[in-house]
N, C-alpha and C. Protein backbone atom coordinates (compact mmCIF):
# COMPACT_ATOMS: atom_id res chain seq x y z
N MET A 1 -111.78 27.02 -39.59
CA MET A 1 -111.27 25.61 -40.14
C MET A 1 -109.60 25.62 -39.69
N CYS A 2 -109.64 24.97 -38.73
CA CYS A 2 -108.45 24.59 -37.75
C CYS A 2 -107.93 22.74 -38.68
N TYR A 3 -106.83 22.69 -39.20
CA TYR A 3 -105.92 21.66 -39.55
C TYR A 3 -104.89 21.27 -38.60
N ARG A 4 -105.01 19.76 -38.59
CA ARG A 4 -103.77 19.64 -37.46
C ARG A 4 -103.01 18.70 -38.60
N LEU A 5 -101.88 19.20 -38.99
CA LEU A 5 -100.55 18.58 -39.55
C LEU A 5 -99.29 17.37 -38.70
N PHE A 6 -99.74 15.86 -39.44
CA PHE A 6 -98.70 15.30 -38.08
C PHE A 6 -97.44 15.38 -39.34
N ASP A 7 -96.21 15.72 -38.72
CA ASP A 7 -95.10 16.08 -39.64
C ASP A 7 -94.22 15.87 -38.96
N PHE A 8 -93.37 15.49 -39.69
CA PHE A 8 -91.54 15.31 -39.40
C PHE A 8 -90.78 15.52 -40.46
N PRO A 9 -89.90 16.38 -39.74
CA PRO A 9 -88.61 17.20 -41.23
C PRO A 9 -88.31 15.84 -42.24
N ASN A 10 -88.83 16.70 -43.86
CA ASN A 10 -87.77 15.27 -44.77
C ASN A 10 -88.83 14.38 -44.95
N ASN A 11 -89.52 14.11 -44.75
CA ASN A 11 -90.48 13.27 -44.54
C ASN A 11 -91.84 12.61 -45.17
N ALA A 12 -91.75 13.18 -46.74
CA ALA A 12 -92.85 13.06 -47.57
C ALA A 12 -94.10 14.28 -47.12
N SER A 13 -93.59 15.59 -46.33
CA SER A 13 -94.89 15.87 -45.61
C SER A 13 -94.27 17.54 -46.46
N LEU A 14 -93.43 17.84 -47.38
CA LEU A 14 -93.43 19.11 -47.74
C LEU A 14 -94.41 19.70 -48.39
N ALA A 15 -95.26 19.26 -49.42
CA ALA A 15 -96.14 19.63 -50.41
C ALA A 15 -97.55 19.66 -48.78
N PRO A 16 -97.93 19.23 -48.43
CA PRO A 16 -99.01 18.94 -47.26
C PRO A 16 -98.39 19.77 -46.18
N HIS A 17 -97.33 20.37 -46.18
CA HIS A 17 -96.34 21.41 -45.22
C HIS A 17 -97.03 22.81 -45.85
N ILE A 18 -97.01 23.20 -47.39
CA ILE A 18 -96.55 24.28 -47.96
C ILE A 18 -98.40 24.99 -47.78
N LEU A 19 -99.72 23.72 -48.41
CA LEU A 19 -100.78 23.95 -48.40
C LEU A 19 -101.50 24.79 -47.99
N PRO A 20 -101.22 24.47 -46.45
CA PRO A 20 -102.33 25.02 -45.06
C PRO A 20 -102.06 26.32 -45.35
N GLU A 21 -100.57 26.33 -45.39
CA GLU A 21 -99.78 27.85 -45.30
C GLU A 21 -100.21 29.09 -46.79
N GLU A 22 -100.12 28.44 -48.12
CA GLU A 22 -101.00 28.91 -49.44
C GLU A 22 -101.84 28.97 -49.04
N THR A 23 -102.87 28.38 -48.26
CA THR A 23 -104.46 28.63 -48.31
C THR A 23 -104.81 30.02 -46.98
N GLY A 24 -103.70 30.17 -46.46
CA GLY A 24 -103.80 30.57 -45.08
C GLY A 24 -104.79 30.17 -44.28
N ALA A 25 -105.14 28.70 -43.66
CA ALA A 25 -105.97 28.29 -43.31
C ALA A 25 -105.19 28.25 -41.64
N ASP A 26 -105.91 27.94 -40.57
CA ASP A 26 -105.19 27.92 -39.55
C ASP A 26 -104.90 26.14 -39.66
N PHE A 27 -103.56 26.27 -38.64
CA PHE A 27 -102.94 24.88 -38.66
C PHE A 27 -102.35 24.68 -37.56
N GLU A 28 -102.21 22.89 -37.08
CA GLU A 28 -101.24 22.88 -36.04
C GLU A 28 -100.17 21.98 -36.60
N LEU A 29 -98.91 22.37 -36.15
CA LEU A 29 -97.86 21.30 -37.00
C LEU A 29 -97.65 20.70 -35.82
N VAL A 30 -97.79 19.11 -36.09
CA VAL A 30 -97.82 18.45 -34.72
C VAL A 30 -96.24 17.67 -34.82
N LEU A 31 -95.29 17.80 -34.00
CA LEU A 31 -94.09 16.81 -34.92
C LEU A 31 -94.57 15.34 -34.34
N VAL A 32 -94.00 14.69 -34.92
CA VAL A 32 -94.09 13.10 -35.10
C VAL A 32 -92.46 12.46 -35.27
N ASP A 33 -91.99 12.19 -33.56
CA ASP A 33 -90.52 12.35 -33.95
C ASP A 33 -90.27 11.02 -34.35
N ARG A 34 -89.44 10.88 -35.48
CA ARG A 34 -89.42 9.84 -36.41
C ARG A 34 -88.55 9.05 -35.39
N SER A 35 -87.21 10.15 -35.14
CA SER A 35 -86.13 9.35 -34.47
C SER A 35 -86.58 8.11 -33.27
N ALA A 36 -87.44 8.63 -32.37
CA ALA A 36 -88.19 8.45 -31.04
C ALA A 36 -89.05 7.25 -31.69
N ARG A 37 -89.24 6.76 -32.72
CA ARG A 37 -90.37 5.63 -33.21
C ARG A 37 -91.56 6.57 -33.29
N GLY A 38 -91.87 8.02 -32.89
CA GLY A 38 -93.14 8.05 -32.40
C GLY A 38 -94.32 8.16 -33.72
N GLN A 39 -93.82 7.78 -34.66
CA GLN A 39 -94.62 6.85 -35.31
C GLN A 39 -95.63 5.62 -35.70
N LYS A 40 -94.24 5.47 -34.46
CA LYS A 40 -95.36 3.89 -34.05
C LYS A 40 -96.18 3.51 -32.43
N ASP A 41 -95.96 5.22 -32.30
CA ASP A 41 -97.16 5.23 -30.53
C ASP A 41 -98.31 4.94 -30.69
N PRO A 42 -98.83 4.26 -29.97
CA PRO A 42 -100.02 3.92 -29.76
C PRO A 42 -101.05 5.24 -30.35
N ASP A 43 -101.15 5.84 -30.03
CA ASP A 43 -102.04 7.27 -30.07
C ASP A 43 -102.12 7.38 -31.65
N TYR A 44 -100.67 7.61 -32.05
CA TYR A 44 -100.31 7.48 -33.70
C TYR A 44 -101.19 6.89 -34.26
N LEU A 45 -100.63 5.98 -33.87
CA LEU A 45 -101.42 4.61 -34.80
C LEU A 45 -103.07 4.72 -34.69
N ARG A 46 -103.82 5.26 -33.73
CA ARG A 46 -104.81 5.11 -34.14
C ARG A 46 -105.74 6.31 -35.14
N LEU A 47 -104.89 6.85 -35.18
CA LEU A 47 -105.18 7.65 -36.34
C LEU A 47 -104.34 7.88 -37.75
N ASN A 48 -103.34 7.11 -37.66
CA ASN A 48 -102.94 6.55 -38.98
C ASN A 48 -102.12 5.11 -38.45
N PRO A 49 -103.06 4.27 -38.70
CA PRO A 49 -102.94 2.42 -38.51
C PRO A 49 -101.43 1.95 -39.20
N ASN A 50 -101.21 2.47 -40.77
CA ASN A 50 -100.12 2.42 -41.48
C ASN A 50 -98.74 2.97 -40.38
N GLY A 51 -98.74 3.65 -39.58
CA GLY A 51 -98.16 4.30 -39.03
C GLY A 51 -96.65 5.13 -39.80
N ARG A 52 -97.49 5.77 -40.71
CA ARG A 52 -96.73 6.45 -41.75
C ARG A 52 -96.62 8.25 -41.33
N ILE A 53 -96.02 8.95 -41.96
CA ILE A 53 -96.57 10.62 -42.23
C ILE A 53 -96.21 10.76 -43.70
N PRO A 54 -97.09 11.58 -43.51
CA PRO A 54 -97.63 12.92 -42.97
C PRO A 54 -99.21 11.86 -42.50
N THR A 55 -99.98 12.90 -41.66
CA THR A 55 -101.26 12.60 -41.60
C THR A 55 -101.96 13.54 -41.44
N LEU A 56 -102.77 14.13 -41.87
CA LEU A 56 -104.06 15.07 -41.63
C LEU A 56 -105.59 14.99 -40.47
N VAL A 57 -105.67 16.20 -40.20
CA VAL A 57 -107.06 16.08 -39.18
C VAL A 57 -107.78 17.18 -39.45
N ASP A 58 -108.52 16.98 -39.45
CA ASP A 58 -109.88 17.95 -40.08
C ASP A 58 -111.16 17.30 -39.70
N GLY A 59 -111.44 17.93 -38.16
CA GLY A 59 -112.59 17.40 -38.17
C GLY A 59 -112.38 16.20 -37.31
N ASP A 60 -113.50 15.55 -37.66
CA ASP A 60 -113.91 13.93 -37.29
C ASP A 60 -112.80 13.24 -38.45
N LEU A 61 -112.48 14.15 -39.76
CA LEU A 61 -111.68 13.32 -41.06
C LEU A 61 -110.49 13.23 -40.28
N VAL A 62 -109.78 12.00 -40.92
CA VAL A 62 -108.28 11.73 -40.96
C VAL A 62 -108.03 11.07 -41.81
N LEU A 63 -106.59 12.06 -42.74
CA LEU A 63 -106.15 11.42 -43.74
C LEU A 63 -104.85 10.84 -43.74
N PHE A 64 -104.49 10.23 -44.78
CA PHE A 64 -102.61 10.10 -44.53
C PHE A 64 -102.48 10.13 -46.24
N GLU A 65 -101.48 9.97 -46.47
CA GLU A 65 -101.12 10.09 -47.47
C GLU A 65 -100.86 11.45 -48.52
N ALA A 66 -99.50 11.78 -49.28
CA ALA A 66 -99.66 13.56 -49.08
C ALA A 66 -100.23 13.89 -49.79
N ALA A 67 -100.47 13.04 -50.82
CA ALA A 67 -101.36 13.96 -52.75
C ALA A 67 -102.65 14.25 -51.86
N ALA A 68 -103.82 13.38 -51.09
CA ALA A 68 -104.54 13.09 -50.73
C ALA A 68 -105.11 14.50 -49.59
N ILE A 69 -103.79 14.50 -49.30
CA ILE A 69 -104.12 15.82 -47.87
C ILE A 69 -104.05 16.93 -48.60
N CYS A 70 -103.47 17.43 -49.68
CA CYS A 70 -102.75 18.69 -50.73
C CYS A 70 -104.66 18.51 -51.47
N MET A 71 -104.88 17.18 -52.09
CA MET A 71 -106.11 17.32 -52.81
C MET A 71 -107.28 18.20 -51.85
N HIS A 72 -107.16 17.12 -50.71
CA HIS A 72 -107.99 17.57 -49.68
C HIS A 72 -108.32 19.19 -49.29
N ILE A 73 -106.81 19.59 -49.18
CA ILE A 73 -106.90 20.86 -48.33
C ILE A 73 -107.12 21.96 -49.45
N ALA A 74 -106.63 21.53 -50.98
CA ALA A 74 -106.98 22.79 -52.37
C ALA A 74 -108.37 22.35 -52.44
N ASP A 75 -108.91 21.41 -52.16
CA ASP A 75 -110.64 21.44 -52.32
C ASP A 75 -111.31 21.99 -51.18
N ARG A 76 -110.52 22.10 -49.78
CA ARG A 76 -111.19 22.93 -48.96
C ARG A 76 -111.49 24.29 -49.19
N HIS A 77 -110.39 24.82 -50.13
CA HIS A 77 -110.51 26.43 -50.68
C HIS A 77 -110.07 26.69 -51.52
N PRO A 78 -111.44 26.50 -52.46
CA PRO A 78 -111.76 27.33 -53.61
C PRO A 78 -111.14 28.36 -53.92
N GLU A 79 -111.01 29.37 -53.05
CA GLU A 79 -110.80 30.85 -53.09
C GLU A 79 -109.04 30.89 -53.58
N ALA A 80 -108.40 29.94 -52.96
CA ALA A 80 -107.03 29.97 -53.02
C ALA A 80 -106.48 30.28 -54.51
N MET A 81 -107.48 28.76 -55.43
CA MET A 81 -107.36 28.49 -57.02
C MET A 81 -106.04 27.82 -56.55
N LEU A 82 -105.51 27.07 -55.83
CA LEU A 82 -104.96 26.10 -56.25
C LEU A 82 -104.96 24.82 -57.14
N ILE A 83 -106.27 24.46 -57.30
CA ILE A 83 -106.68 23.65 -58.22
C ILE A 83 -107.09 23.68 -59.19
N PRO A 84 -106.74 23.76 -60.66
CA PRO A 84 -108.00 23.69 -61.54
C PRO A 84 -109.04 23.37 -62.46
N PRO A 85 -110.10 23.58 -62.98
CA PRO A 85 -111.53 23.19 -63.11
C PRO A 85 -111.28 21.36 -63.52
N LEU A 86 -112.12 20.95 -62.60
CA LEU A 86 -112.65 19.40 -63.20
C LEU A 86 -112.24 19.71 -64.35
N ARG A 87 -112.35 18.08 -64.97
CA ARG A 87 -112.15 17.70 -66.51
C ARG A 87 -111.30 18.86 -67.45
N SER A 88 -110.13 19.77 -67.13
CA SER A 88 -109.59 20.35 -67.94
C SER A 88 -108.29 19.80 -68.16
N ASP A 89 -107.18 20.03 -68.84
CA ASP A 89 -105.80 19.53 -69.29
C ASP A 89 -105.18 20.17 -68.44
N GLU A 90 -105.82 21.00 -67.57
CA GLU A 90 -105.15 21.88 -66.61
C GLU A 90 -104.93 21.38 -65.24
N ARG A 91 -106.00 20.22 -64.95
CA ARG A 91 -106.25 19.55 -63.97
C ARG A 91 -105.18 18.39 -63.95
N SER A 92 -105.37 18.10 -65.08
CA SER A 92 -104.29 16.26 -65.05
C SER A 92 -103.47 16.57 -64.72
N HIS A 93 -102.37 18.01 -65.75
CA HIS A 93 -101.63 18.63 -65.10
C HIS A 93 -101.06 18.55 -63.92
N PHE A 94 -102.05 19.40 -63.20
CA PHE A 94 -102.12 19.68 -61.58
C PHE A 94 -101.54 17.72 -61.17
N TYR A 95 -102.70 16.83 -61.22
CA TYR A 95 -102.81 15.70 -60.38
C TYR A 95 -100.52 15.12 -60.96
N LYS A 96 -100.78 15.58 -62.30
CA LYS A 96 -99.02 15.16 -62.53
C LYS A 96 -98.04 15.45 -62.14
N TRP A 97 -98.00 16.34 -61.61
CA TRP A 97 -97.05 17.10 -60.99
C TRP A 97 -96.84 17.20 -59.77
N LEU A 98 -98.55 17.03 -58.78
CA LEU A 98 -98.06 16.81 -57.15
C LEU A 98 -98.33 15.50 -57.05
N VAL A 99 -98.48 14.31 -57.81
CA VAL A 99 -98.02 13.45 -57.18
C VAL A 99 -96.42 13.16 -57.63
N PHE A 100 -96.06 13.87 -59.02
CA PHE A 100 -94.04 14.01 -58.84
C PHE A 100 -93.59 14.94 -57.36
N LEU A 101 -94.41 15.95 -56.96
CA LEU A 101 -93.66 16.36 -55.88
C LEU A 101 -94.02 15.79 -54.32
N THR A 102 -95.21 14.79 -54.15
CA THR A 102 -95.59 14.46 -53.11
C THR A 102 -94.71 12.41 -53.52
N ASN A 103 -94.25 12.19 -53.84
CA ASN A 103 -93.42 10.82 -54.25
C ASN A 103 -91.98 10.92 -54.64
N THR A 104 -92.03 12.51 -55.28
CA THR A 104 -90.05 12.50 -55.69
C THR A 104 -88.82 13.29 -54.94
N VAL A 105 -89.74 14.89 -55.09
CA VAL A 105 -89.23 15.92 -54.78
C VAL A 105 -89.86 16.08 -52.70
N GLN A 106 -88.09 15.93 -52.40
CA GLN A 106 -88.37 16.06 -51.36
C GLN A 106 -86.80 17.15 -51.22
N PRO A 107 -87.44 17.91 -49.76
CA PRO A 107 -86.27 18.92 -49.42
C PRO A 107 -84.95 18.01 -48.50
N PRO A 108 -83.83 18.73 -49.07
CA PRO A 108 -82.39 18.03 -47.99
C PRO A 108 -82.63 18.48 -46.93
N ASP A 109 -82.29 18.14 -46.16
CA ASP A 109 -82.00 18.05 -44.77
C ASP A 109 -81.67 19.60 -44.36
N GLN A 110 -81.44 20.55 -45.05
CA GLN A 110 -80.32 21.49 -44.51
C GLN A 110 -81.73 22.72 -44.48
N VAL A 111 -82.93 22.28 -45.74
CA VAL A 111 -83.62 23.37 -46.05
C VAL A 111 -84.51 23.62 -44.37
N PRO A 112 -84.55 25.32 -44.14
CA PRO A 112 -85.01 25.27 -42.86
C PRO A 112 -86.62 25.49 -43.46
N ARG A 113 -87.36 24.82 -42.03
CA ARG A 113 -88.68 24.87 -41.76
C ARG A 113 -89.78 25.12 -40.88
N LYS A 114 -90.78 25.91 -41.03
CA LYS A 114 -91.54 27.07 -40.20
C LYS A 114 -91.14 25.62 -38.51
N THR A 115 -91.17 25.97 -38.09
CA THR A 115 -90.90 25.35 -36.82
C THR A 115 -92.03 25.33 -35.64
N SER A 116 -92.92 26.30 -35.72
CA SER A 116 -94.08 26.47 -34.60
C SER A 116 -94.75 25.48 -34.54
N THR A 117 -95.86 25.43 -34.08
CA THR A 117 -96.27 24.36 -33.83
C THR A 117 -98.21 25.02 -34.25
N VAL A 118 -98.16 26.20 -34.17
CA VAL A 118 -99.24 26.96 -34.78
C VAL A 118 -99.05 27.97 -36.68
N GLY A 119 -100.77 27.51 -36.74
CA GLY A 119 -100.82 28.26 -37.90
C GLY A 119 -100.55 29.79 -38.10
N PRO A 120 -101.00 30.29 -39.14
CA PRO A 120 -100.61 31.89 -39.83
C PRO A 120 -101.53 32.53 -38.55
N SER A 121 -102.25 32.36 -38.15
CA SER A 121 -103.27 33.17 -37.38
C SER A 121 -102.72 33.33 -35.83
N SER A 122 -101.80 32.16 -35.77
CA SER A 122 -101.71 31.97 -33.91
C SER A 122 -102.41 30.90 -33.46
N GLN A 123 -103.21 30.84 -34.10
CA GLN A 123 -104.68 29.64 -34.07
C GLN A 123 -103.70 28.22 -33.05
N ALA A 124 -104.39 27.28 -32.07
CA ALA A 124 -104.05 25.94 -32.59
C ALA A 124 -105.20 25.53 -31.91
N CYS A 125 -105.28 24.03 -32.59
CA CYS A 125 -106.23 22.97 -32.43
C CYS A 125 -106.67 22.62 -31.10
N SER A 126 -107.73 21.87 -30.89
CA SER A 126 -107.91 21.17 -29.70
C SER A 126 -106.93 20.00 -29.68
N PRO A 127 -107.31 19.28 -28.61
CA PRO A 127 -106.11 18.17 -28.22
C PRO A 127 -106.50 16.90 -28.93
N SER A 128 -108.10 16.94 -29.13
CA SER A 128 -108.95 15.92 -29.45
C SER A 128 -108.75 15.67 -31.00
N PRO A 129 -108.16 14.56 -31.61
CA PRO A 129 -108.74 14.66 -33.37
C PRO A 129 -110.29 14.88 -33.69
N SER A 130 -110.70 14.71 -32.91
CA SER A 130 -112.39 14.17 -33.33
C SER A 130 -112.93 15.55 -32.88
N GLN A 131 -112.12 16.94 -32.29
CA GLN A 131 -112.35 17.87 -31.85
C GLN A 131 -112.33 19.57 -32.55
N ALA A 132 -111.16 19.26 -33.21
CA ALA A 132 -110.16 19.96 -34.28
C ALA A 132 -111.30 21.88 -34.54
N THR A 133 -111.81 21.96 -33.08
CA THR A 133 -111.90 23.49 -33.70
C THR A 133 -110.94 24.60 -32.84
N CYS A 134 -110.38 26.03 -33.28
CA CYS A 134 -109.34 26.48 -32.89
C CYS A 134 -109.89 27.65 -31.64
N SER A 135 -108.69 27.77 -31.27
CA SER A 135 -108.38 28.99 -29.96
C SER A 135 -107.40 29.79 -30.29
N THR A 136 -106.88 31.01 -29.70
CA THR A 136 -106.03 31.19 -29.86
C THR A 136 -105.34 31.08 -28.50
N PRO A 137 -103.98 30.39 -28.16
CA PRO A 137 -103.64 30.24 -26.79
C PRO A 137 -102.95 31.43 -26.08
N PRO A 138 -102.86 31.68 -25.04
CA PRO A 138 -102.43 32.96 -24.48
C PRO A 138 -101.09 32.89 -24.75
N GLY A 139 -100.73 33.69 -25.24
CA GLY A 139 -99.27 34.32 -25.81
C GLY A 139 -98.22 33.16 -26.87
N SER A 140 -99.00 32.67 -27.63
CA SER A 140 -98.77 31.82 -28.74
C SER A 140 -98.22 33.10 -29.57
N SER A 141 -97.26 32.27 -30.79
CA SER A 141 -96.91 33.26 -31.86
C SER A 141 -96.31 32.08 -33.06
N THR A 142 -96.09 32.89 -33.93
CA THR A 142 -95.83 31.68 -35.01
C THR A 142 -94.51 32.37 -35.24
N SER A 143 -93.18 31.05 -35.85
CA SER A 143 -92.54 31.51 -36.23
C SER A 143 -91.85 30.85 -37.14
N THR A 144 -91.03 31.50 -38.11
CA THR A 144 -89.96 30.66 -39.07
C THR A 144 -88.76 30.31 -38.75
N SER A 145 -87.96 29.55 -39.02
CA SER A 145 -86.54 29.37 -38.83
C SER A 145 -85.74 28.79 -39.93
């Protein structure tokens, strides 16, 4: 499974950025340059007609809204145990804190973030959102800053 997360630092994408790393999932971090109005680019608007960041592509599924992206990733990776059982008080608290995190808490500009466009296993997704398969690109590596 390989995700493509369209992201811009300090733009409501802290939690969606963390979850693929916490699950160990393969993902590609794709910079949407807000300073150049990349969120209004026609290609990006085909993925997210609202022109908002972040957006997640998982195969043919395209999601936006940080909380929805987080719940999707947590549901896809039950082995990571990131989400409590259904119908439990803990699950309700999970929703509360997830919404708080995705709507209220954002990192200051000085927080270092992963700069690589490749996930933890050095794999990149195919360029087409409808073909989100993973392959190891030649000479690829992951890094953090």
